[in-house]
Amino acid sequence: LHHVNLATDRVGEMAGFYRDVLGLEVPESDVP
């Protein structure tokens, strides 16, 4: 398993949610 892709019309808002609420980080390597 490498990734799950979620299609959205609100990329910025979604990114903030996953970082701020779930505590995920921006990957430092293996970024497409």
PDB file of all heavy atoms in Angstrom:
ATOM      1  N   LEU A   1       0.848  -1.183   0.000  1.00  0.00           N
ATOM      2  CA  LEU A   1       0.000   0.000   0.000  1.00  0.00           C
ATOM      3  C   LEU A   1       0.885   1.235   0.000  1.00  0.00           C
ATOM      4  O   LEU A   1       1.782   1.362   0.840  1.00  0.00           O
ATOM      5  CB  LEU A   1      -0.930  -0.002   1.213  1.00  0.00           C
ATOM      6  CG  LEU A   1      -1.892   1.172   1.331  1.00  0.00           C
ATOM      7  CD1 LEU A   1      -2.848   1.230   0.137  1.00  0.00           C
ATOM      8  CD2 LEU A   1      -2.679   1.068   2.635  1.00  0.00           C
ATOM      9  N   HIS A   2       0.671   2.134  -0.941  1.00  0.00           N
ATOM     10  CA  HIS A   2       1.470   3.347  -1.024  1.00  0.00           C
ATOM     11  C   HIS A   2       0.682   4.585  -0.618  1.00  0.00           C
ATOM     12  O   HIS A   2       1.149   5.392   0.165  1.00  0.00           O
ATOM     13  CB  HIS A   2       2.030   3.538  -2.436  1.00  0.00           C
ATOM     14  CG  HIS A   2       2.905   4.737  -2.543  1.00  0.00           C
ATOM     15  ND1 HIS A   2       2.424   5.975  -2.929  1.00  0.00           N
ATOM     16  CD2 HIS A   2       4.212   4.895  -2.287  1.00  0.00           C
ATOM     17  CE1 HIS A   2       3.417   6.841  -2.921  1.00  0.00           C
ATOM     18  NE2 HIS A   2       4.510   6.213  -2.520  1.00  0.00           N
ATOM     19  N   HIS A   3      -0.528   4.756  -1.190  1.00  0.00           N
ATOM     20  CA  HIS A   3      -1.323   5.923  -0.834  1.00  0.00           C
ATOM     21  C   HIS A   3      -2.801   5.704  -1.088  1.00  0.00           C
ATOM     22  O   HIS A   3      -3.193   4.810  -1.824  1.00  0.00           O
ATOM     23  CB  HIS A   3      -0.839   7.182  -1.569  1.00  0.00           C
ATOM     24  CG  HIS A   3      -1.075   7.192  -3.056  1.00  0.00           C
ATOM     25  ND1 HIS A   3      -0.146   6.746  -3.962  1.00  0.00           N
ATOM     26  CD2 HIS A   3      -2.130   7.611  -3.801  1.00  0.00           C
ATOM     27  CE1 HIS A   3      -0.620   6.891  -5.187  1.00  0.00           C
ATOM     28  NE2 HIS A   3      -1.830   7.413  -5.128  1.00  0.00           N
ATOM     29  N   VAL A   4      -3.576   6.563  -0.456  1.00  0.00           N
ATOM     30  CA  VAL A   4      -4.994   6.684  -0.718  1.00  0.00           C
ATOM     31  C   VAL A   4      -5.184   8.064  -1.314  1.00  0.00           C
ATOM     32  O   VAL A   4      -4.652   9.051  -0.792  1.00  0.00           O
ATOM     33  CB  VAL A   4      -5.820   6.536   0.580  1.00  0.00           C
ATOM     34  CG1 VAL A   4      -7.286   6.808   0.328  1.00  0.00           C
ATOM     35  CG2 VAL A   4      -5.613   5.156   1.182  1.00  0.00           C
ATOM     36  N   ASN A   5      -5.917   8.147  -2.420  1.00  0.00           N
ATOM     37  CA  ASN A   5      -6.173   9.415  -3.087  1.00  0.00           C
ATOM     38  C   ASN A   5      -7.625   9.799  -2.839  1.00  0.00           C
ATOM     39  O   ASN A   5      -8.533   9.016  -3.140  1.00  0.00           O
ATOM     40  CB  ASN A   5      -5.895   9.285  -4.588  1.00  0.00           C
ATOM     41  CG  ASN A   5      -6.223  10.547  -5.340  1.00  0.00           C
ATOM     42  OD1 ASN A   5      -7.379  10.901  -5.501  1.00  0.00           O
ATOM     43  ND2 ASN A   5      -5.195  11.212  -5.816  1.00  0.00           N
ATOM     44  N   LEU A   6      -7.826  10.990  -2.298  1.00  0.00           N
ATOM     45  CA  LEU A   6      -9.169  11.512  -2.104  1.00  0.00           C
ATOM     46  C   LEU A   6      -9.376  12.657  -3.084  1.00  0.00           C
ATOM     47  O   LEU A   6      -8.596  13.605  -3.104  1.00  0.00           O
ATOM     48  CB  LEU A   6      -9.356  12.013  -0.672  1.00  0.00           C
ATOM     49  CG  LEU A   6      -9.136  10.974   0.438  1.00  0.00           C
ATOM     50  CD1 LEU A   6      -9.276  11.625   1.802  1.00  0.00           C
ATOM     51  CD2 LEU A   6     -10.105   9.815   0.292  1.00  0.00           C
ATOM     52  N   ALA A   7     -10.411  12.572  -3.909  1.00  0.00           N
ATOM     53  CA  ALA A   7     -10.728  13.638  -4.853  1.00  0.00           C
ATOM     54  C   ALA A   7     -11.594  14.674  -4.139  1.00  0.00           C
ATOM     55  O   ALA A   7     -12.549  14.324  -3.442  1.00  0.00           O
ATOM     56  CB  ALA A   7     -11.457  13.069  -6.064  1.00  0.00           C
ATOM     57  N   THR A   8     -11.245  15.943  -4.314  1.00  0.00           N
ATOM     58  CA  THR A   8     -11.922  17.010  -3.590  1.00  0.00           C
ATOM     59  C   THR A   8     -11.961  18.287  -4.426  1.00  0.00           C
ATOM     60  O   THR A   8     -11.147  18.464  -5.329  1.00  0.00           O
ATOM     61  CB  THR A   8     -11.213  17.297  -2.245  1.00  0.00           C
ATOM     62  OG1 THR A   8     -11.897  18.356  -1.557  1.00  0.00           O
ATOM     63  CG2 THR A   8      -9.760  17.698  -2.450  1.00  0.00           C
ATOM     64  N   ASP A   9     -12.882  19.147  -4.091  1.00  0.00           N
ATOM     65  CA  ASP A   9     -12.914  20.475  -4.687  1.00  0.00           C
ATOM     66  C   ASP A   9     -12.294  21.507  -3.748  1.00  0.00           C
ATOM     67  O   ASP A   9     -12.274  22.691  -4.056  1.00  0.00           O
ATOM     68  CB  ASP A   9     -14.370  20.868  -5.013  1.00  0.00           C
ATOM     69  CG  ASP A   9     -14.962  19.983  -6.093  1.00  0.00           C
ATOM     70  OD1 ASP A   9     -14.244  19.667  -7.065  1.00  0.00           O
ATOM     71  OD2 ASP A   9     -16.133  19.584  -5.961  1.00  0.00           O
ATOM     72  N   ARG A  10     -11.792  21.043  -2.580  1.00  0.00           N
ATOM     73  CA  ARG A  10     -11.231  21.943  -1.567  1.00  0.00           C
ATOM     74  C   ARG A  10      -9.872  21.436  -1.081  1.00  0.00           C
ATOM     75  O   ARG A  10      -9.717  21.053   0.073  1.00  0.00           O
ATOM     76  CB  ARG A  10     -12.210  22.048  -0.403  1.00  0.00           C
ATOM     77  CG  ARG A  10     -13.584  22.552  -0.858  1.00  0.00           C
ATOM     78  CD  ARG A  10     -14.577  22.612   0.254  1.00  0.00           C
ATOM     79  NE  ARG A  10     -14.762  21.287   0.858  1.00  0.00           N
ATOM     80  CZ  ARG A  10     -15.646  21.022   1.785  1.00  0.00           C
ATOM     81  NH1 ARG A  10     -16.420  21.957   2.252  1.00  0.00           N
ATOM     82  NH2 ARG A  10     -15.765  19.807   2.263  1.00  0.00           N
ATOM     83  N   VAL A  11      -8.890  21.434  -1.958  1.00  0.00           N
ATOM     84  CA  VAL A  11      -7.572  20.867  -1.639  1.00  0.00           C
ATOM     85  C   VAL A  11      -6.961  21.536  -0.412  1.00  0.00           C
ATOM     86  O   VAL A  11      -6.508  20.865   0.516  1.00  0.00           O
ATOM     87  CB  VAL A  11      -6.621  20.948  -2.854  1.00  0.00           C
ATOM     88  CG1 VAL A  11      -5.208  20.528  -2.468  1.00  0.00           C
ATOM     89  CG2 VAL A  11      -7.144  20.091  -4.000  1.00  0.00           C
ATOM     90  N   GLY A  12      -6.929  22.857  -0.384  1.00  0.00           N
ATOM     91  CA  GLY A  12      -6.313  23.569   0.742  1.00  0.00           C
ATOM     92  C   GLY A  12      -6.991  23.287   2.064  1.00  0.00           C
ATOM     93  O   GLY A  12      -6.325  23.039   3.084  1.00  0.00           O
ATOM     94  N   GLU A  13      -8.301  23.330   2.078  1.00  0.00           N
ATOM     95  CA  GLU A  13      -9.054  23.062   3.303  1.00  0.00           C
ATOM     96  C   GLU A  13      -8.838  21.623   3.768  1.00  0.00           C
ATOM     97  O   GLU A  13      -8.653  21.359   4.965  1.00  0.00           O
ATOM     98  CB  GLU A  13     -10.535  23.325   3.063  1.00  0.00           C
ATOM     99  CG  GLU A  13     -11.390  23.162   4.287  1.00  0.00           C
ATOM    100  CD  GLU A  13     -12.862  23.443   4.020  1.00  0.00           C
ATOM    101  OE1 GLU A  13     -13.205  24.042   2.977  1.00  0.00           O
ATOM    102  OE2 GLU A  13     -13.682  23.040   4.862  1.00  0.00           O
ATOM    103  N   MET A  14      -8.851  20.700   2.840  1.00  0.00           N
ATOM    104  CA  MET A  14      -8.611  19.296   3.180  1.00  0.00           C
ATOM    105  C   MET A  14      -7.210  19.093   3.737  1.00  0.00           C
ATOM    106  O   MET A  14      -7.017  18.384   4.721  1.00  0.00           O
ATOM    107  CB  MET A  14      -8.829  18.408   1.958  1.00  0.00           C
ATOM    108  CG  MET A  14     -10.280  18.295   1.538  1.00  0.00           C
ATOM    109  SD  MET A  14     -11.221  17.166   2.573  1.00  0.00           S
ATOM    110  CE  MET A  14     -10.700  15.598   1.874  1.00  0.00           C
ATOM    111  N   ALA A  15      -6.224  19.717   3.108  1.00  0.00           N
ATOM    112  CA  ALA A  15      -4.840  19.578   3.583  1.00  0.00           C
ATOM    113  C   ALA A  15      -4.717  20.101   5.010  1.00  0.00           C
ATOM    114  O   ALA A  15      -4.079  19.469   5.864  1.00  0.00           O
ATOM    115  CB  ALA A  15      -3.885  20.299   2.645  1.00  0.00           C
ATOM    116  N   GLY A  16      -5.323  21.251   5.274  1.00  0.00           N
ATOM    117  CA  GLY A  16      -5.300  21.802   6.630  1.00  0.00           C
ATOM    118  C   GLY A  16      -5.945  20.866   7.628  1.00  0.00           C
ATOM    119  O   GLY A  16      -5.431  20.657   8.738  1.00  0.00           O
ATOM    120  N   PHE A  17      -7.066  20.283   7.269  1.00  0.00           N
ATOM    121  CA  PHE A  17      -7.755  19.338   8.142  1.00  0.00           C
ATOM    122  C   PHE A  17      -6.869  18.144   8.473  1.00  0.00           C
ATOM    123  O   PHE A  17      -6.706  17.771   9.637  1.00  0.00           O
ATOM    124  CB  PHE A  17      -9.058  18.859   7.490  1.00  0.00           C
ATOM    125  CG  PHE A  17      -9.766  17.813   8.283  1.00  0.00           C
ATOM    126  CD1 PHE A  17     -10.654  18.155   9.290  1.00  0.00           C
ATOM    127  CD2 PHE A  17      -9.550  16.463   8.033  1.00  0.00           C
ATOM    128  CE1 PHE A  17     -11.317  17.184  10.026  1.00  0.00           C
ATOM    129  CE2 PHE A  17     -10.201  15.481   8.764  1.00  0.00           C
ATOM    130  CZ  PHE A  17     -11.085  15.846   9.772  1.00  0.00           C
ATOM    131  N   TYR A  18      -6.285  17.533   7.454  1.00  0.00           N
ATOM    132  CA  TYR A  18      -5.478  16.331   7.686  1.00  0.00           C
ATOM    133  C   TYR A  18      -4.200  16.639   8.469  1.00  0.00           C
ATOM    134  O   TYR A  18      -3.739  15.809   9.256  1.00  0.00           O
ATOM    135  CB  TYR A  18      -5.173  15.618   6.364  1.00  0.00           C
ATOM    136  CG  TYR A  18      -6.335  14.759   5.924  1.00  0.00           C
ATOM    137  CD1 TYR A  18      -7.405  15.310   5.218  1.00  0.00           C
ATOM    138  CD2 TYR A  18      -6.407  13.418   6.250  1.00  0.00           C
ATOM    139  CE1 TYR A  18      -8.498  14.534   4.848  1.00  0.00           C
ATOM    140  CE2 TYR A  18      -7.485  12.632   5.887  1.00  0.00           C
ATOM    141  CZ  TYR A  18      -8.527  13.204   5.190  1.00  0.00           C
ATOM    142  OH  TYR A  18      -9.611  12.437   4.834  1.00  0.00           O
ATOM    143  N   ARG A  19      -3.653  17.842   8.278  1.00  0.00           N
ATOM    144  CA  ARG A  19      -2.466  18.220   9.059  1.00  0.00           C
ATOM    145  C   ARG A  19      -2.853  18.618  10.485  1.00  0.00           C
ATOM    146  O   ARG A  19      -2.284  18.134  11.459  1.00  0.00           O
ATOM    147  CB  ARG A  19      -1.728  19.372   8.374  1.00  0.00           C
ATOM    148  CG  ARG A  19      -0.923  18.964   7.168  1.00  0.00           C
ATOM    149  CD  ARG A  19      -0.018  20.097   6.678  1.00  0.00           C
ATOM    150  NE  ARG A  19      -0.683  21.396   6.671  1.00  0.00           N
ATOM    151  CZ  ARG A  19      -1.292  21.946   5.611  1.00  0.00           C
ATOM    152  NH1 ARG A  19      -1.298  21.302   4.455  1.00  0.00           N
ATOM    153  NH2 ARG A  19      -1.857  23.123   5.704  1.00  0.00           N
ATOM    154  N   ASP A  20      -3.823  19.549  10.602  1.00  0.00           N
ATOM    155  CA  ASP A  20      -4.135  20.141  11.904  1.00  0.00           C
ATOM    156  C   ASP A  20      -4.976  19.237  12.796  1.00  0.00           C
ATOM    157  O   ASP A  20      -4.747  19.163  13.997  1.00  0.00           O
ATOM    158  CB  ASP A  20      -4.863  21.476  11.708  1.00  0.00           C
ATOM    159  CG  ASP A  20      -4.030  22.479  10.935  1.00  0.00           C
ATOM    160  OD1 ASP A  20      -2.792  22.316  10.856  1.00  0.00           O
ATOM    161  OD2 ASP A  20      -4.628  23.422  10.376  1.00  0.00           O
ATOM    162  N   VAL A  21      -5.948  18.571  12.237  1.00  0.00           N
ATOM    163  CA  VAL A  21      -6.851  17.749  13.046  1.00  0.00           C
ATOM    164  C   VAL A  21      -6.301  16.341  13.242  1.00  0.00           C
ATOM    165  O   VAL A  21      -6.325  15.803  14.344  1.00  0.00           O
ATOM    166  CB  VAL A  21      -8.266  17.713  12.424  1.00  0.00           C
ATOM    167  CG1 VAL A  21      -9.185  16.785  13.202  1.00  0.00           C
ATOM    168  CG2 VAL A  21      -8.859  19.124  12.370  1.00  0.00           C
ATOM    169  N   LEU A  22      -5.778  15.736  12.172  1.00  0.00           N
ATOM    170  CA  LEU A  22      -5.267  14.374  12.290  1.00  0.00           C
ATOM    171  C   LEU A  22      -3.781  14.311  12.623  1.00  0.00           C
ATOM    172  O   LEU A  22      -3.260  13.243  12.929  1.00  0.00           O
ATOM    173  CB  LEU A  22      -5.545  13.595  11.002  1.00  0.00           C
ATOM    174  CG  LEU A  22      -7.024  13.370  10.693  1.00  0.00           C
ATOM    175  CD1 LEU A  22      -7.183  12.577   9.417  1.00  0.00           C
ATOM    176  CD2 LEU A  22      -7.725  12.677  11.848  1.00  0.00           C
ATOM    177  N   GLY A  23      -3.092  15.435  12.526  1.00  0.00           N
ATOM    178  CA  GLY A  23      -1.675  15.471  12.880  1.00  0.00           C
ATOM    179  C   GLY A  23      -0.748  14.840  11.861  1.00  0.00           C
ATOM    180  O   GLY A  23       0.382  14.479  12.180  1.00  0.00           O
ATOM    181  N   LEU A  24      -1.221  14.692  10.617  1.00  0.00           N
ATOM    182  CA  LEU A  24      -0.350  14.149   9.576  1.00  0.00           C
ATOM    183  C   LEU A  24       0.649  15.213   9.137  1.00  0.00           C
ATOM    184  O   LEU A  24       0.446  16.407   9.345  1.00  0.00           O
ATOM    185  CB  LEU A  24      -1.183  13.657   8.394  1.00  0.00           C
ATOM    186  CG  LEU A  24      -2.205  12.565   8.715  1.00  0.00           C
ATOM    187  CD1 LEU A  24      -2.933  12.135   7.448  1.00  0.00           C
ATOM    188  CD2 LEU A  24      -1.560  11.366   9.390  1.00  0.00           C
ATOM    189  N   GLU A  25       1.724  14.756   8.528  1.00  0.00           N
ATOM    190  CA  GLU A  25       2.796  15.661   8.109  1.00  0.00           C
ATOM    191  C   GLU A  25       2.949  15.632   6.604  1.00  0.00           C
ATOM    192  O   GLU A  25       2.517  14.690   5.934  1.00  0.00           O
ATOM    193  CB  GLU A  25       4.110  15.234   8.764  1.00  0.00           C
ATOM    194  CG  GLU A  25       4.062  15.292  10.280  1.00  0.00           C
ATOM    195  CD  GLU A  25       5.349  14.806  10.920  1.00  0.00           C
ATOM    196  OE1 GLU A  25       6.273  14.375  10.207  1.00  0.00           O
ATOM    197  OE2 GLU A  25       5.408  14.853  12.163  1.00  0.00           O
ATOM    198  N   VAL A  26       3.602  16.653   6.074  1.00  0.00           N
ATOM    199  CA  VAL A  26       3.940  16.676   4.647  1.00  0.00           C
ATOM    200  C   VAL A  26       5.105  15.711   4.465  1.00  0.00           C
ATOM    201  O   VAL A  26       6.102  15.798   5.197  1.00  0.00           O
ATOM    202  CB  VAL A  26       4.321  18.104   4.207  1.00  0.00           C
ATOM    203  CG1 VAL A  26       4.790  18.113   2.759  1.00  0.00           C
ATOM    204  CG2 VAL A  26       3.141  19.046   4.405  1.00  0.00           C
ATOM    205  N   PRO A  27       5.023  14.776   3.531  1.00  0.00           N
ATOM    206  CA  PRO A  27       6.121  13.820   3.347  1.00  0.00           C
ATOM    207  C   PRO A  27       7.398  14.527   2.903  1.00  0.00           C
ATOM    208  O   PRO A  27       7.352  15.481   2.126  1.00  0.00           O
ATOM    209  CB  PRO A  27       5.611  12.863   2.265  1.00  0.00           C
ATOM    210  CG  PRO A  27       4.388  13.472   1.695  1.00  0.00           C
ATOM    211  CD  PRO A  27       3.920  14.548   2.596  1.00  0.00           C
ATOM    212  N   GLU A  28       8.518  14.040   3.409  1.00  0.00           N
ATOM    213  CA  GLU A  28       9.808  14.621   3.064  1.00  0.00           C
ATOM    214  C   GLU A  28      10.478  13.896   1.901  1.00  0.00           C
ATOM    215  O   GLU A  28      11.421  14.419   1.314  1.00  0.00           O
ATOM    216  CB  GLU A  28      10.721  14.607   4.286  1.00  0.00           C
ATOM    217  CG  GLU A  28      10.218  15.502   5.402  1.00  0.00           C
ATOM    218  CD  GLU A  28      11.134  15.508   6.598  1.00  0.00           C
ATOM    219  OE1 GLU A  28      12.293  15.054   6.479  1.00  0.00           O
ATOM    220  OE2 GLU A  28      10.692  15.963   7.666  1.00  0.00           O
ATOM    221  N   SER A  29      10.030  12.701   1.578  1.00  0.00           N
ATOM    222  CA  SER A  29      10.613  11.935   0.472  1.00  0.00           C
ATOM    223  C   SER A  29       9.513  11.173  -0.249  1.00  0.00           C
ATOM    224  O   SER A  29       8.394  11.057   0.250  1.00  0.00           O
ATOM    225  CB  SER A  29      11.681  10.968   0.997  1.00  0.00           C
ATOM    226  OG  SER A  29      11.088  10.024   1.876  1.00  0.00           O
ATOM    227  N   ASP A  30       9.853  10.684  -1.416  1.00  0.00           N
ATOM    228  CA  ASP A  30       8.933   9.891  -2.229  1.00  0.00           C
ATOM    229  C   ASP A  30       7.652  10.655  -2.561  1.00  0.00           C
ATOM    230  O   ASP A  30       6.567  10.102  -2.601  1.00  0.00           O
ATOM    231  CB  ASP A  30       8.610   8.558  -1.545  1.00  0.00           C
ATOM    232  CG  ASP A  30       8.023   7.538  -2.526  1.00  0.00           C
ATOM    233  OD1 ASP A  30       8.280   7.666  -3.742  1.00  0.00           O
ATOM    234  OD2 ASP A  30       7.296   6.637  -2.073  1.00  0.00           O
ATOM    235  N   VAL A  31       7.794  11.966  -2.763  1.00  0.00           N
ATOM    236  CA  VAL A  31       6.653  12.803  -3.130  1.00  0.00           C
ATOM    237  C   VAL A  31       6.541  12.815  -4.658  1.00  0.00           C
ATOM    238  O   VAL A  31       7.517  13.108  -5.347  1.00  0.00           O
ATOM    239  CB  VAL A  31       6.821  14.235  -2.595  1.00  0.00           C
ATOM    240  CG1 VAL A  31       5.645  15.108  -3.013  1.00  0.00           C
ATOM    241  CG2 VAL A  31       6.965  14.214  -1.079  1.00  0.00           C
ATOM    242  N   PRO A  32       5.377  12.503  -5.191  1.00  0.00           N
ATOM    243  CA  PRO A  32       5.219  12.489  -6.649  1.00  0.00           C
ATOM    244  C   PRO A  32       5.495  13.849  -7.275  1.00  0.00           C
ATOM    245  O   PRO A  32       5.095  14.879  -6.741  1.00  0.00           O
ATOM    246  CB  PRO A  32       3.753  12.101  -6.849  1.00  0.00           C
ATOM    247  CG  PRO A  32       3.326  11.505  -5.562  1.00  0.00           C
ATOM    248  CD  PRO A  32       4.151  12.134  -4.498  1.00  0.00           C
TER     249      PRO A  32
END
